[in-house]
Amino acid sequence: MRLDLHVHSEYSPDSHSSIEAILKQAQEVGLDGIAITDHNSVLSFSVASKLAEELGLDLIIVPGAEISTREGHLIALGTINLLPSGIPANEVIEHVHDNGGIVVAPHPYAIFRKGIRNLQDIRLDAVETFNSKQLFGLANYLANRSARQLNLGVTGGSDSHKVETIGFGYTDVNIADGADVERILQAIKSCRSQSKGRASPRLRSVGHSLKIRMGNYKNSR
C-alpha cells in the first residue's frame, strides 16, 4: 500500500489546500491512503473521512497531526486526542501511545525546520526518512541512518502545503491481508514499511523554507 503520511490542509496556518482537493489529488496520483497532519490540529480528520465516503473515494484516511513539542515537531498518527503544543516530547509520545497511536519524527535534520535531532532521547515508533521538501538529500540520508541505528520504522511524506505536490513523498507498507488504520500503524512499528518519492520543485520548497525562516508561519515552526 502507498500512503502519503505528511500532508497539510487549510486547517494549517501555512496551507490553503481544501480537504476535497487533497482527497481528489490523492486518488488521482494513485495513493491508497493519506494522513492530513495539520499543525496542532485534527479538525481535518472528520471532514476528510465524511467527504471521502460522500465522494466514493477508495482511500484510507489515517488520523494525524504535526505537533509542536518543546523540543520540536512530532507527527502523531492513529489518534485524534491531542495534548496542547509546547509540552515535552516524551509526554506527548506517552499520550499518543495511551490513545492507540504511533509517533513519527518528521524532517529531523532539515535546515530551517523544527525537527528533533536527538532521536535517541525519545520513545519514537518511526522516523520520516523521506520528506519531499528536502532539496539535496542529506537530511533524508541522516534521517534514514538514524532510523537504522535506532531500529525504528520509517515513513515517507510529501510535507505538501500545495495540492499538486501530494504523493511526491510516500510510505510503502507491506500488509498481507486487507488494510485498515490499525494494520498500517502496526506495519510501520514493525519495520515493514519503506519511504520513497521524489523532491518537490526546488523553488517552491525554498520559498516555503524562507517563509518559515522569516517567521511568517509562527504556528507551524
N, C-alpha and C. Protein backbone atom coordinates (compact mmCIF):
# COMPACT_ATOMS: atom_id res chain seq x y z
N MET A 1 0.83 -1.19 0.00
CA MET A 1 0.00 0.00 0.00
C MET A 1 0.87 1.25 0.00
N ARG A 2 0.39 2.25 -0.69
CA ARG A 2 1.13 3.50 -0.82
C ARG A 2 0.33 4.62 -0.15
N LEU A 3 0.96 5.26 0.85
CA LEU A 3 0.28 6.32 1.60
C LEU A 3 1.19 7.53 1.76
N ASP A 4 0.64 8.70 1.58
CA ASP A 4 1.34 9.95 1.90
C ASP A 4 0.94 10.31 3.33
N LEU A 5 1.90 10.24 4.25
CA LEU A 5 1.60 10.40 5.68
C LEU A 5 2.05 11.75 6.24
N HIS A 6 2.16 12.75 5.36
CA HIS A 6 2.53 14.09 5.83
C HIS A 6 1.99 15.11 4.85
N VAL A 7 0.76 15.55 5.08
CA VAL A 7 0.08 16.50 4.19
C VAL A 7 -0.58 17.57 5.04
N HIS A 8 -0.57 18.81 4.55
CA HIS A 8 -1.20 19.92 5.27
C HIS A 8 -2.38 20.47 4.48
N SER A 9 -3.40 20.89 5.21
CA SER A 9 -4.63 21.42 4.60
C SER A 9 -4.88 22.85 5.08
N GLU A 10 -6.04 23.34 4.72
CA GLU A 10 -6.44 24.69 5.14
C GLU A 10 -6.59 24.81 6.65
N TYR A 11 -6.53 23.70 7.37
CA TYR A 11 -6.57 23.75 8.83
C TYR A 11 -5.19 24.00 9.42
N SER A 12 -4.17 24.09 8.58
CA SER A 12 -2.84 24.56 8.99
C SER A 12 -2.71 26.03 8.62
N PRO A 13 -1.97 26.80 9.42
CA PRO A 13 -1.84 28.23 9.12
C PRO A 13 -1.03 28.54 7.89
N ASP A 14 -0.30 27.55 7.36
CA ASP A 14 0.59 27.80 6.23
C ASP A 14 0.15 27.06 4.97
N SER A 15 -1.12 26.67 4.89
CA SER A 15 -1.63 25.99 3.71
C SER A 15 -3.04 26.47 3.41
N HIS A 16 -3.38 26.46 2.13
CA HIS A 16 -4.74 26.82 1.71
C HIS A 16 -5.42 25.67 0.98
N SER A 17 -4.86 24.48 1.06
CA SER A 17 -5.40 23.33 0.33
C SER A 17 -6.71 22.87 0.96
N SER A 18 -7.75 22.76 0.17
CA SER A 18 -9.03 22.29 0.69
C SER A 18 -8.99 20.77 0.86
N ILE A 19 -9.81 20.27 1.77
CA ILE A 19 -9.86 18.83 2.01
C ILE A 19 -10.30 18.10 0.75
N GLU A 20 -11.31 18.62 0.07
CA GLU A 20 -11.79 17.96 -1.14
C GLU A 20 -10.70 17.87 -2.20
N ALA A 21 -9.97 18.96 -2.40
CA ALA A 21 -8.90 18.96 -3.39
C ALA A 21 -7.80 17.97 -3.02
N ILE A 22 -7.48 17.89 -1.74
CA ILE A 22 -6.45 16.95 -1.28
C ILE A 22 -6.87 15.51 -1.57
N LEU A 23 -8.10 15.18 -1.22
CA LEU A 23 -8.57 13.81 -1.41
C LEU A 23 -8.62 13.42 -2.88
N LYS A 24 -9.11 14.32 -3.71
CA LYS A 24 -9.19 14.02 -5.14
C LYS A 24 -7.80 13.86 -5.75
N GLN A 25 -6.86 14.70 -5.30
CA GLN A 25 -5.49 14.58 -5.82
C GLN A 25 -4.85 13.27 -5.35
N ALA A 26 -5.08 12.89 -4.11
CA ALA A 26 -4.54 11.63 -3.60
C ALA A 26 -5.04 10.46 -4.42
N GLN A 27 -6.32 10.45 -4.73
CA GLN A 27 -6.88 9.39 -5.57
C GLN A 27 -6.29 9.45 -6.97
N GLU A 28 -6.15 10.65 -7.51
CA GLU A 28 -5.66 10.83 -8.88
C GLU A 28 -4.24 10.30 -9.05
N VAL A 29 -3.39 10.49 -8.04
CA VAL A 29 -1.99 10.07 -8.17
C VAL A 29 -1.77 8.63 -7.70
N GLY A 30 -2.85 7.94 -7.38
CA GLY A 30 -2.74 6.51 -7.10
C GLY A 30 -2.42 6.12 -5.68
N LEU A 31 -2.64 7.03 -4.73
CA LEU A 31 -2.41 6.68 -3.33
C LEU A 31 -3.53 5.78 -2.81
N ASP A 32 -3.18 4.91 -1.86
CA ASP A 32 -4.17 4.07 -1.19
C ASP A 32 -4.69 4.72 0.09
N GLY A 33 -3.93 5.68 0.60
CA GLY A 33 -4.33 6.33 1.83
C GLY A 33 -3.55 7.60 2.06
N ILE A 34 -3.99 8.35 3.05
CA ILE A 34 -3.39 9.66 3.31
C ILE A 34 -3.59 10.02 4.78
N ALA A 35 -2.62 10.75 5.33
CA ALA A 35 -2.78 11.34 6.65
C ALA A 35 -2.63 12.85 6.50
N ILE A 36 -3.69 13.57 6.84
CA ILE A 36 -3.62 15.04 6.83
C ILE A 36 -3.13 15.46 8.21
N THR A 37 -1.89 15.93 8.24
CA THR A 37 -1.19 16.17 9.51
C THR A 37 -1.04 17.67 9.73
N ASP A 38 -2.15 18.32 10.00
CA ASP A 38 -2.11 19.77 10.21
C ASP A 38 -1.40 20.10 11.51
N HIS A 39 -0.93 21.33 11.60
CA HIS A 39 -0.17 21.76 12.76
C HIS A 39 -1.08 21.88 13.98
N ASN A 40 -0.84 20.99 14.95
CA ASN A 40 -1.54 21.02 16.24
C ASN A 40 -3.06 20.98 16.09
N SER A 41 -3.53 20.26 15.07
CA SER A 41 -4.96 20.19 14.82
C SER A 41 -5.34 18.87 14.17
N VAL A 42 -6.47 18.31 14.59
CA VAL A 42 -7.03 17.11 13.95
C VAL A 42 -8.41 17.42 13.35
N LEU A 43 -8.72 18.69 13.18
CA LEU A 43 -10.03 19.06 12.67
C LEU A 43 -10.30 18.51 11.28
N SER A 44 -9.26 18.29 10.52
CA SER A 44 -9.44 17.81 9.14
C SER A 44 -9.91 16.36 9.08
N PHE A 45 -9.66 15.58 10.12
CA PHE A 45 -9.91 14.14 10.02
C PHE A 45 -11.38 13.82 9.81
N SER A 46 -12.24 14.37 10.62
CA SER A 46 -13.67 14.05 10.49
C SER A 46 -14.22 14.58 9.17
N VAL A 47 -13.73 15.74 8.74
CA VAL A 47 -14.16 16.31 7.47
C VAL A 47 -13.72 15.40 6.32
N ALA A 48 -12.45 14.97 6.35
CA ALA A 48 -11.92 14.12 5.29
C ALA A 48 -12.60 12.76 5.25
N SER A 49 -12.84 12.18 6.41
CA SER A 49 -13.48 10.86 6.46
C SER A 49 -14.88 10.92 5.86
N LYS A 50 -15.64 11.93 6.24
CA LYS A 50 -17.01 12.07 5.73
C LYS A 50 -17.01 12.36 4.23
N LEU A 51 -16.11 13.23 3.81
CA LEU A 51 -16.08 13.63 2.40
C LEU A 51 -15.62 12.48 1.50
N ALA A 52 -14.65 11.70 1.96
CA ALA A 52 -14.19 10.56 1.17
C ALA A 52 -15.34 9.58 0.93
N GLU A 53 -16.15 9.38 1.95
CA GLU A 53 -17.30 8.48 1.80
C GLU A 53 -18.34 9.07 0.84
N GLU A 54 -18.61 10.35 0.99
CA GLU A 54 -19.60 11.00 0.13
C GLU A 54 -19.16 11.00 -1.34
N LEU A 55 -17.87 11.15 -1.57
CA LEU A 55 -17.35 11.20 -2.93
C LEU A 55 -17.07 9.82 -3.51
N GLY A 56 -17.21 8.79 -2.68
CA GLY A 56 -16.96 7.42 -3.13
C GLY A 56 -15.50 7.15 -3.44
N LEU A 57 -14.61 7.79 -2.71
CA LEU A 57 -13.18 7.62 -2.94
C LEU A 57 -12.64 6.42 -2.17
N ASP A 58 -11.82 5.64 -2.84
CA ASP A 58 -11.25 4.44 -2.22
C ASP A 58 -9.93 4.81 -1.54
N LEU A 59 -10.05 5.52 -0.42
CA LEU A 59 -8.87 5.99 0.31
C LEU A 59 -9.01 5.67 1.79
N ILE A 60 -7.93 5.23 2.40
CA ILE A 60 -7.89 5.09 3.85
C ILE A 60 -7.44 6.42 4.44
N ILE A 61 -8.22 6.98 5.33
CA ILE A 61 -7.88 8.25 5.97
C ILE A 61 -7.29 7.94 7.34
N VAL A 62 -6.02 8.22 7.51
CA VAL A 62 -5.33 7.95 8.77
C VAL A 62 -5.38 9.22 9.62
N PRO A 63 -5.89 9.13 10.85
CA PRO A 63 -5.86 10.32 11.72
C PRO A 63 -4.43 10.78 11.93
N GLY A 64 -4.21 12.09 11.92
CA GLY A 64 -2.85 12.57 12.10
C GLY A 64 -2.79 14.04 12.46
N ALA A 65 -1.64 14.44 13.00
CA ALA A 65 -1.36 15.84 13.30
C ALA A 65 0.14 16.01 13.45
N GLU A 66 0.63 17.18 13.09
CA GLU A 66 2.03 17.53 13.35
C GLU A 66 2.04 18.42 14.59
N ILE A 67 2.63 17.89 15.65
CA ILE A 67 2.54 18.51 16.96
C ILE A 67 3.83 19.27 17.27
N SER A 68 3.68 20.49 17.75
CA SER A 68 4.84 21.30 18.16
C SER A 68 5.13 21.02 19.63
N THR A 69 6.13 20.17 19.88
CA THR A 69 6.53 19.88 21.26
C THR A 69 7.61 20.87 21.70
N ARG A 70 8.00 20.78 22.94
CA ARG A 70 9.04 21.68 23.45
C ARG A 70 10.34 21.51 22.68
N GLU A 71 10.64 20.28 22.28
CA GLU A 71 11.90 20.01 21.60
C GLU A 71 11.82 20.15 20.08
N GLY A 72 10.63 20.14 19.53
CA GLY A 72 10.47 20.21 18.08
C GLY A 72 9.24 19.46 17.63
N HIS A 73 9.13 19.27 16.34
CA HIS A 73 7.91 18.67 15.78
C HIS A 73 7.90 17.15 15.88
N LEU A 74 6.69 16.63 16.11
CA LEU A 74 6.42 15.20 16.03
C LEU A 74 5.13 15.02 15.25
N ILE A 75 5.01 13.91 14.53
CA ILE A 75 3.76 13.56 13.88
C ILE A 75 3.10 12.43 14.67
N ALA A 76 1.87 12.65 15.07
CA ALA A 76 1.06 11.62 15.71
C ALA A 76 0.13 11.03 14.66
N LEU A 77 0.11 9.71 14.57
CA LEU A 77 -0.76 9.00 13.64
C LEU A 77 -1.65 8.05 14.42
N GLY A 78 -2.92 7.98 14.05
CA GLY A 78 -3.81 6.99 14.64
C GLY A 78 -4.63 7.45 15.82
N THR A 79 -4.57 8.73 16.16
CA THR A 79 -5.38 9.25 17.26
C THR A 79 -5.82 10.66 16.96
N ILE A 80 -6.98 11.04 17.48
CA ILE A 80 -7.46 12.42 17.36
C ILE A 80 -7.47 13.10 18.73
N ASN A 81 -6.85 12.47 19.70
CA ASN A 81 -6.78 13.00 21.06
C ASN A 81 -5.40 13.62 21.26
N LEU A 82 -5.33 14.94 21.21
CA LEU A 82 -4.04 15.62 21.27
C LEU A 82 -3.87 16.42 22.56
N LEU A 83 -2.61 16.55 22.98
CA LEU A 83 -2.25 17.49 24.03
C LEU A 83 -1.94 18.84 23.40
N PRO A 84 -1.96 19.91 24.17
CA PRO A 84 -1.61 21.23 23.62
C PRO A 84 -0.16 21.28 23.15
N SER A 85 0.15 22.24 22.32
CA SER A 85 1.53 22.41 21.85
C SER A 85 2.41 22.92 22.99
N GLY A 86 3.73 22.74 22.83
CA GLY A 86 4.69 23.25 23.80
C GLY A 86 4.99 22.33 24.96
N ILE A 87 4.45 21.12 24.94
CA ILE A 87 4.68 20.15 26.01
C ILE A 87 5.91 19.31 25.66
N PRO A 88 6.67 18.82 26.65
CA PRO A 88 7.83 17.99 26.35
C PRO A 88 7.47 16.80 25.46
N ALA A 89 8.40 16.45 24.57
CA ALA A 89 8.14 15.42 23.57
C ALA A 89 7.74 14.09 24.18
N ASN A 90 8.42 13.66 25.23
CA ASN A 90 8.11 12.35 25.80
C ASN A 90 6.72 12.31 26.44
N GLU A 91 6.23 13.44 26.93
CA GLU A 91 4.86 13.47 27.45
C GLU A 91 3.85 13.34 26.31
N VAL A 92 4.13 14.00 25.20
CA VAL A 92 3.27 13.89 24.03
C VAL A 92 3.26 12.45 23.53
N ILE A 93 4.43 11.84 23.45
CA ILE A 93 4.53 10.47 22.96
C ILE A 93 3.76 9.51 23.85
N GLU A 94 3.92 9.64 25.15
CA GLU A 94 3.20 8.77 26.07
C GLU A 94 1.68 8.91 25.89
N HIS A 95 1.23 10.15 25.69
CA HIS A 95 -0.19 10.39 25.50
C HIS A 95 -0.69 9.75 24.20
N VAL A 96 0.07 9.90 23.14
CA VAL A 96 -0.31 9.29 21.85
C VAL A 96 -0.37 7.78 21.97
N HIS A 97 0.63 7.19 22.62
CA HIS A 97 0.63 5.73 22.81
C HIS A 97 -0.55 5.28 23.65
N ASP A 98 -0.87 6.02 24.68
CA ASP A 98 -2.01 5.67 25.54
C ASP A 98 -3.33 5.72 24.77
N ASN A 99 -3.35 6.49 23.69
CA ASN A 99 -4.56 6.62 22.89
C ASN A 99 -4.51 5.82 21.59
N GLY A 100 -3.60 4.85 21.55
CA GLY A 100 -3.57 3.90 20.44
C GLY A 100 -2.84 4.34 19.20
N GLY A 101 -2.10 5.44 19.28
CA GLY A 101 -1.41 5.93 18.10
C GLY A 101 0.07 5.63 18.10
N ILE A 102 0.74 6.05 17.04
CA ILE A 102 2.20 5.95 16.96
C ILE A 102 2.75 7.34 16.70
N VAL A 103 4.06 7.49 16.94
CA VAL A 103 4.72 8.79 16.81
C VAL A 103 5.89 8.70 15.85
N VAL A 104 5.94 9.66 14.94
CA VAL A 104 6.98 9.73 13.92
C VAL A 104 7.74 11.05 14.08
N ALA A 105 9.05 11.01 13.90
CA ALA A 105 9.86 12.23 13.89
C ALA A 105 9.96 12.74 12.46
N PRO A 106 9.29 13.87 12.13
CA PRO A 106 9.39 14.39 10.76
C PRO A 106 10.62 15.27 10.58
N HIS A 107 11.16 15.24 9.35
CA HIS A 107 12.29 16.10 8.94
C HIS A 107 13.26 16.41 10.10
N PRO A 108 13.83 15.37 10.75
CA PRO A 108 14.64 15.65 11.95
C PRO A 108 15.93 16.43 11.68
N TYR A 109 16.44 16.39 10.47
CA TYR A 109 17.73 17.05 10.19
C TYR A 109 17.62 18.16 9.15
N ALA A 110 16.41 18.60 8.89
CA ALA A 110 16.21 19.62 7.86
C ALA A 110 16.60 21.01 8.38
N ILE A 111 17.28 21.76 7.54
CA ILE A 111 17.62 23.14 7.86
C ILE A 111 16.36 23.99 7.82
N PHE A 112 16.25 24.91 8.76
CA PHE A 112 15.12 25.84 8.87
C PHE A 112 13.83 25.17 9.32
N ARG A 113 13.87 23.91 9.70
CA ARG A 113 12.66 23.23 10.15
C ARG A 113 12.87 22.79 11.59
N LYS A 114 11.79 22.77 12.38
CA LYS A 114 11.93 22.43 13.79
C LYS A 114 11.80 20.94 14.02
N GLY A 115 12.77 20.20 13.48
CA GLY A 115 12.81 18.77 13.74
C GLY A 115 13.53 18.49 15.04
N ILE A 116 13.36 17.28 15.55
CA ILE A 116 14.05 16.85 16.77
C ILE A 116 15.27 16.03 16.35
N ARG A 117 16.45 16.52 16.65
CA ARG A 117 17.66 15.84 16.21
C ARG A 117 18.13 14.75 17.18
N ASN A 118 17.87 14.91 18.46
CA ASN A 118 18.31 13.91 19.44
C ASN A 118 17.26 12.80 19.55
N LEU A 119 17.18 11.99 18.51
CA LEU A 119 16.12 10.98 18.42
C LEU A 119 16.28 9.87 19.45
N GLN A 120 17.49 9.64 19.88
CA GLN A 120 17.73 8.55 20.84
C GLN A 120 17.16 8.87 22.22
N ASP A 121 16.80 10.12 22.47
CA ASP A 121 16.32 10.52 23.79
C ASP A 121 14.81 10.43 23.94
N ILE A 122 14.11 10.05 22.87
CA ILE A 122 12.65 10.00 22.94
C ILE A 122 12.14 8.65 22.44
N ARG A 123 10.94 8.29 22.84
CA ARG A 123 10.38 6.96 22.59
C ARG A 123 9.60 6.92 21.27
N LEU A 124 10.31 7.06 20.19
CA LEU A 124 9.70 7.09 18.87
C LEU A 124 9.28 5.71 18.40
N ASP A 125 8.34 5.71 17.45
CA ASP A 125 7.99 4.49 16.73
C ASP A 125 8.61 4.47 15.34
N ALA A 126 8.81 5.64 14.76
CA ALA A 126 9.32 5.71 13.39
C ALA A 126 9.95 7.07 13.13
N VAL A 127 10.71 7.11 12.03
CA VAL A 127 11.35 8.34 11.57
C VAL A 127 10.91 8.58 10.13
N GLU A 128 10.59 9.83 9.82
CA GLU A 128 10.30 10.19 8.44
C GLU A 128 11.63 10.26 7.69
N THR A 129 11.90 9.24 6.89
CA THR A 129 13.20 9.15 6.22
C THR A 129 13.16 9.64 4.79
N PHE A 130 11.97 9.98 4.29
CA PHE A 130 11.89 10.71 3.03
C PHE A 130 10.85 11.81 3.18
N ASN A 131 11.31 13.04 3.04
CA ASN A 131 10.46 14.22 3.03
C ASN A 131 10.75 14.93 1.71
N SER A 132 9.73 15.11 0.89
CA SER A 132 9.98 15.59 -0.47
C SER A 132 10.46 17.03 -0.52
N LYS A 133 10.39 17.77 0.59
CA LYS A 133 10.86 19.15 0.60
C LYS A 133 12.36 19.27 0.84
N GLN A 134 13.02 18.16 1.12
CA GLN A 134 14.46 18.22 1.35
C GLN A 134 15.18 18.21 0.01
N LEU A 135 15.84 19.31 -0.31
CA LEU A 135 16.30 19.55 -1.67
C LEU A 135 17.50 18.72 -2.08
N PHE A 136 18.46 18.52 -1.20
CA PHE A 136 19.72 17.94 -1.61
C PHE A 136 19.96 16.54 -1.06
N GLY A 137 19.02 16.01 -0.31
CA GLY A 137 19.11 14.61 0.09
C GLY A 137 19.84 14.34 1.39
N LEU A 138 20.66 15.27 1.88
CA LEU A 138 21.44 14.99 3.08
C LEU A 138 20.55 14.78 4.29
N ALA A 139 19.54 15.63 4.47
CA ALA A 139 18.66 15.49 5.64
C ALA A 139 17.94 14.16 5.62
N ASN A 140 17.48 13.73 4.44
CA ASN A 140 16.83 12.43 4.34
C ASN A 140 17.81 11.29 4.61
N TYR A 141 19.03 11.44 4.12
CA TYR A 141 20.05 10.43 4.37
C TYR A 141 20.32 10.28 5.87
N LEU A 142 20.47 11.39 6.57
CA LEU A 142 20.74 11.34 8.00
C LEU A 142 19.55 10.75 8.76
N ALA A 143 18.33 11.08 8.34
CA ALA A 143 17.14 10.52 8.98
C ALA A 143 17.10 9.01 8.79
N ASN A 144 17.42 8.55 7.59
CA ASN A 144 17.43 7.12 7.30
C ASN A 144 18.49 6.41 8.12
N ARG A 145 19.65 7.02 8.26
CA ARG A 145 20.72 6.42 9.05
C ARG A 145 20.31 6.30 10.52
N SER A 146 19.67 7.32 11.05
CA SER A 146 19.21 7.28 12.44
C SER A 146 18.17 6.19 12.65
N ALA A 147 17.25 6.06 11.70
CA ALA A 147 16.23 5.01 11.82
C ALA A 147 16.86 3.63 11.87
N ARG A 148 17.87 3.41 11.04
CA ARG A 148 18.56 2.11 11.05
C ARG A 148 19.30 1.90 12.37
N GLN A 149 20.01 2.91 12.83
CA GLN A 149 20.78 2.78 14.06
C GLN A 149 19.89 2.52 15.27
N LEU A 150 18.70 3.12 15.27
CA LEU A 150 17.79 3.00 16.41
C LEU A 150 16.75 1.89 16.22
N ASN A 151 16.83 1.19 15.07
CA ASN A 151 15.90 0.10 14.77
C ASN A 151 14.44 0.56 14.84
N LEU A 152 14.17 1.67 14.17
CA LEU A 152 12.83 2.25 14.15
C LEU A 152 12.19 2.06 12.78
N GLY A 153 10.87 2.12 12.74
CA GLY A 153 10.15 2.10 11.48
C GLY A 153 10.43 3.37 10.69
N VAL A 154 10.02 3.35 9.42
CA VAL A 154 10.25 4.51 8.57
C VAL A 154 8.94 4.91 7.88
N THR A 155 8.83 6.20 7.60
CA THR A 155 7.72 6.72 6.80
C THR A 155 8.26 7.69 5.77
N GLY A 156 7.44 7.94 4.76
CA GLY A 156 7.74 8.97 3.78
C GLY A 156 6.52 9.84 3.60
N GLY A 157 6.75 11.10 3.30
CA GLY A 157 5.64 12.02 3.10
C GLY A 157 6.04 13.18 2.22
N SER A 158 5.06 13.78 1.60
CA SER A 158 5.33 14.92 0.73
C SER A 158 5.56 16.19 1.52
N ASP A 159 5.03 16.27 2.75
CA ASP A 159 5.01 17.52 3.51
C ASP A 159 4.34 18.59 2.66
N SER A 160 3.32 18.18 1.94
CA SER A 160 2.67 19.05 0.97
C SER A 160 1.88 20.16 1.64
N HIS A 161 2.11 21.38 1.17
CA HIS A 161 1.29 22.51 1.53
C HIS A 161 0.53 23.03 0.30
N LYS A 162 0.78 22.39 -0.83
CA LYS A 162 0.11 22.68 -2.09
C LYS A 162 -0.40 21.36 -2.66
N VAL A 163 -1.61 21.38 -3.19
CA VAL A 163 -2.24 20.14 -3.65
C VAL A 163 -1.40 19.41 -4.68
N GLU A 164 -0.75 20.14 -5.56
CA GLU A 164 -0.05 19.49 -6.67
C GLU A 164 1.16 18.67 -6.24
N THR A 165 1.65 18.83 -5.01
CA THR A 165 2.81 18.03 -4.57
C THR A 165 2.41 16.83 -3.72
N ILE A 166 1.14 16.59 -3.54
CA ILE A 166 0.69 15.40 -2.78
C ILE A 166 1.19 14.15 -3.48
N GLY A 167 1.75 13.23 -2.72
CA GLY A 167 2.26 12.00 -3.27
C GLY A 167 3.70 12.07 -3.73
N PHE A 168 4.33 13.24 -3.68
CA PHE A 168 5.74 13.34 -4.05
C PHE A 168 6.60 12.51 -3.09
N GLY A 169 6.18 12.42 -1.83
CA GLY A 169 6.80 11.52 -0.87
C GLY A 169 5.73 10.58 -0.35
N TYR A 170 6.08 9.32 -0.11
CA TYR A 170 5.07 8.38 0.33
C TYR A 170 5.69 7.21 1.10
N THR A 171 4.82 6.48 1.76
CA THR A 171 5.20 5.31 2.53
C THR A 171 4.63 4.07 1.87
N ASP A 172 5.49 3.10 1.56
CA ASP A 172 5.05 1.79 1.09
C ASP A 172 4.94 0.88 2.30
N VAL A 173 3.75 0.33 2.51
CA VAL A 173 3.51 -0.52 3.67
C VAL A 173 3.21 -1.94 3.21
N ASN A 174 3.87 -2.90 3.82
CA ASN A 174 3.69 -4.31 3.47
C ASN A 174 2.63 -4.93 4.36
N ILE A 175 1.42 -5.11 3.82
CA ILE A 175 0.32 -5.72 4.56
C ILE A 175 -0.21 -6.89 3.74
N ALA A 176 -0.24 -8.07 4.33
CA ALA A 176 -0.59 -9.28 3.60
C ALA A 176 -2.09 -9.35 3.29
N ASP A 177 -2.94 -9.18 4.29
CA ASP A 177 -4.37 -9.40 4.13
C ASP A 177 -5.17 -8.17 4.54
N GLY A 178 -5.73 -7.48 3.55
CA GLY A 178 -6.57 -6.33 3.87
C GLY A 178 -5.78 -5.21 4.52
N ALA A 179 -6.43 -4.10 4.71
CA ALA A 179 -5.74 -2.95 5.31
C ALA A 179 -6.74 -2.07 6.03
N ASP A 180 -6.33 -1.62 7.19
CA ASP A 180 -7.05 -0.58 7.92
C ASP A 180 -6.01 0.22 8.68
N VAL A 181 -6.46 1.25 9.38
CA VAL A 181 -5.51 2.12 10.06
C VAL A 181 -4.66 1.35 11.06
N GLU A 182 -5.27 0.48 11.83
CA GLU A 182 -4.53 -0.26 12.85
C GLU A 182 -3.44 -1.12 12.23
N ARG A 183 -3.74 -1.80 11.14
CA ARG A 183 -2.73 -2.65 10.49
C ARG A 183 -1.62 -1.83 9.86
N ILE A 184 -1.97 -0.68 9.33
CA ILE A 184 -0.94 0.20 8.76
C ILE A 184 0.02 0.66 9.84
N LEU A 185 -0.50 1.11 10.96
CA LEU A 185 0.36 1.59 12.04
C LEU A 185 1.22 0.46 12.59
N GLN A 186 0.65 -0.73 12.72
CA GLN A 186 1.42 -1.87 13.23
C GLN A 186 2.54 -2.25 12.27
N ALA A 187 2.26 -2.17 10.98
CA ALA A 187 3.30 -2.48 9.99
C ALA A 187 4.46 -1.49 10.08
N ILE A 188 4.15 -0.22 10.27
CA ILE A 188 5.20 0.79 10.40
C ILE A 188 6.03 0.52 11.66
N LYS A 189 5.35 0.29 12.78
CA LYS A 189 6.06 0.00 14.03
C LYS A 189 6.95 -1.23 13.90
N SER A 190 6.50 -2.21 13.12
CA SER A 190 7.22 -3.48 12.99
C SER A 190 8.27 -3.44 11.89
N CYS A 191 8.57 -2.25 11.39
CA CYS A 191 9.60 -2.06 10.36
C CYS A 191 9.24 -2.78 9.06
N ARG A 192 7.96 -2.80 8.71
CA ARG A 192 7.50 -3.37 7.45
C ARG A 192 7.02 -2.27 6.52
N SER A 193 7.79 -1.22 6.45
CA SER A 193 7.46 -0.11 5.56
C SER A 193 8.74 0.43 4.95
N GLN A 194 8.56 1.15 3.84
CA GLN A 194 9.66 1.83 3.17
C GLN A 194 9.24 3.24 2.82
N SER A 195 10.20 4.14 2.76
CA SER A 195 9.91 5.51 2.35
C SER A 195 10.46 5.74 0.95
N LYS A 196 9.64 6.40 0.12
CA LYS A 196 10.02 6.61 -1.28
C LYS A 196 9.51 7.97 -1.74
N GLY A 197 9.94 8.36 -2.95
CA GLY A 197 9.41 9.58 -3.53
C GLY A 197 10.42 10.35 -4.34
N ARG A 198 10.05 11.59 -4.64
CA ARG A 198 10.91 12.49 -5.41
C ARG A 198 10.79 13.88 -4.80
N ALA A 199 11.79 14.68 -5.02
CA ALA A 199 11.83 16.01 -4.40
C ALA A 199 10.78 16.92 -5.01
N SER A 200 10.20 17.77 -4.17
CA SER A 200 9.30 18.80 -4.65
C SER A 200 10.08 19.82 -5.48
N PRO A 201 9.41 20.56 -6.35
CA PRO A 201 10.10 21.60 -7.12
C PRO A 201 10.91 22.51 -6.20
N ARG A 202 12.15 22.79 -6.58
CA ARG A 202 13.07 23.46 -5.67
C ARG A 202 12.64 24.87 -5.31
N LEU A 203 12.15 25.62 -6.26
CA LEU A 203 11.76 26.99 -5.95
C LEU A 203 10.63 27.02 -4.93
N ARG A 204 9.68 26.08 -5.05
CA ARG A 204 8.57 26.04 -4.10
C ARG A 204 9.07 25.67 -2.71
N SER A 205 9.97 24.68 -2.63
CA SER A 205 10.49 24.26 -1.34
C SER A 205 11.31 25.35 -0.68
N VAL A 206 12.14 26.02 -1.48
CA VAL A 206 12.95 27.12 -0.94
C VAL A 206 12.06 28.24 -0.45
N GLY A 207 11.03 28.58 -1.22
CA GLY A 207 10.13 29.64 -0.81
C GLY A 207 9.43 29.34 0.50
N HIS A 208 8.99 28.10 0.67
CA HIS A 208 8.33 27.73 1.91
C HIS A 208 9.30 27.81 3.09
N SER A 209 10.52 27.32 2.89
CA SER A 209 11.52 27.36 3.96
C SER A 209 11.85 28.79 4.36
N LEU A 210 11.94 29.69 3.37
CA LEU A 210 12.25 31.09 3.67
C LEU A 210 11.12 31.75 4.45
N LYS A 211 9.89 31.43 4.12
CA LYS A 211 8.76 31.99 4.86
C LYS A 211 8.80 31.54 6.31
N ILE A 212 9.13 30.26 6.52
CA ILE A 212 9.26 29.77 7.90
C ILE A 212 10.40 30.49 8.60
N ARG A 213 11.53 30.64 7.90
CA ARG A 213 12.70 31.29 8.48
C ARG A 213 12.39 32.72 8.90
N MET A 214 11.59 33.42 8.11
CA MET A 214 11.27 34.81 8.40
C MET A 214 10.16 34.96 9.44
N GLY A 215 9.59 33.82 9.87
CA GLY A 215 8.61 33.87 10.94
C GLY A 215 7.20 34.14 10.50
N ASN A 216 6.94 34.02 9.20
CA ASN A 216 5.59 34.27 8.71
C ASN A 216 4.59 33.23 9.19
N TYR A 217 5.09 32.01 9.46
CA TYR A 217 4.22 30.92 9.85
C TYR A 217 4.60 30.47 11.26
N LYS A 218 4.42 31.33 12.22
CA LYS A 218 4.88 31.07 13.57
C LYS A 218 4.28 29.80 14.17
N ASN A 219 3.04 29.54 13.90
CA ASN A 219 2.39 28.38 14.49
C ASN A 219 2.87 27.07 13.88
N SER A 220 3.51 27.11 12.75
CA SER A 220 3.91 25.89 12.08
C SER A 220 5.37 25.54 12.31
N ARG A 221 6.11 26.36 13.01
CA ARG A 221 7.54 26.15 13.13
C ARG A 221 7.90 25.21 14.28
